[in-house]
Amino acid sequence: MDLIHVRAVSPPDLTERVVALLADNPSVLNLIVQPGVARNPDGDAISCDVLTGGANAVLRGMREVRLDQLGSIVVEPVDMAFSGRGGSGGGEEPGPLARAPVWEQVEARIRADARYPPSFYLYLVVAGLIGSVGIVTNSQILIVGAMVVGPEYGAIVSIALGIDRGERRTIRRGLRALGAGLLLTVLVTFLFSLLIRGFGLQSQAFEAGLRPVSDLINTPNFFSVAVATLAGVVGIVSLTEARTSALLGVFISVTTIPAAAAIAVSVAFTSWQEAWGSLVQLLVNIVVLVVVGTGTLRCQRAIWRRVALRRQGPGGPG
């Protein structure tokens, strides 16, 4: 039985409407109302458990009466629950709707990664430095490590969410953080690459022009677009279903940090054609991930909305 726990504080004049909304919904269990006990904000405390299949409708109804603005709403996951009503198969949550994403939780996860403290830029720079070492030593393992360390995918997904929701501020913040972070990464990695070149620390194979790792990065082609497209789809789906293992695979598939590192290394070693190819690779990955991420979000919303509408047809719950 998949549940979320909802805690809310309601102004007294709104409580009756909220309780009626919750009590009439068959997906709501364990409804508790405590008048006048809440503080900051002051009001009535309301708590309940909601079957995930009906969570979107319940949360949407609570927001339509402006409970999130006049009071507060807190959503928590439920790890385990025992309930005769919820587990009896009474018709509240059959079929695919039982696995529907709770969109408020999905957006909360994306927005949590859309914060850009100093550590965001630190991780980007460190990932770029690791990637540069992987390039000059022809180490694919270090390139994979750089992909995992880099936090840029969170900013990319936040931009996609901003486009999907029409939030210009979210788009601007994501673009600004991503642009500034990648520019800083390229600059610091360039200085580090100059140090490597000055002391002759690059591998003999790299010096001789045998650069299989950098050649893979600075040669954008059809497969670059295909991988970025597939990674964009899987990334959004893994976020909606909270599948961290799949999301890790997305990090390893996306050639953003390696491309930024390759730009810096190529410029430091005056390989201008490779630098241009790496720049194109970086831009292609970012644009494809944003476009595909936005499209996948919208498609998933439309699909689950259609599932919910079918469920509410003749014989289904209202």
Foldseek 3Di string as FASTA:
>chain_A
DWKKKKKKFAAAVCVVVLCVLQVPQLQKADWDWAAQPDVPPTGIIIMIMGQQLCLQVSVVVCVVSPRVPRINMDMGTDPDDDDCSVPVPPANADDPSSQAFNVVQLVVVLVVLLDDDVVLLVLLQVLLQLLLLCQLAVNPVSPLVSLLSHSLVSLLLQLLVCVLVVPVVSNVSSVVRNVVSLVVNLVSLLVVLLVCVVVVVGDPCVVVVNGPPLVVQLADDPVLLVLLLVLLLQCSVCSRNVPVVSNSVSSSSQRASSLSSQLSNCVSVVVVSSNVSSVVSNVSSSVSSSVSNNVNVVVSVVVSVVVVVVQVPVPHDD
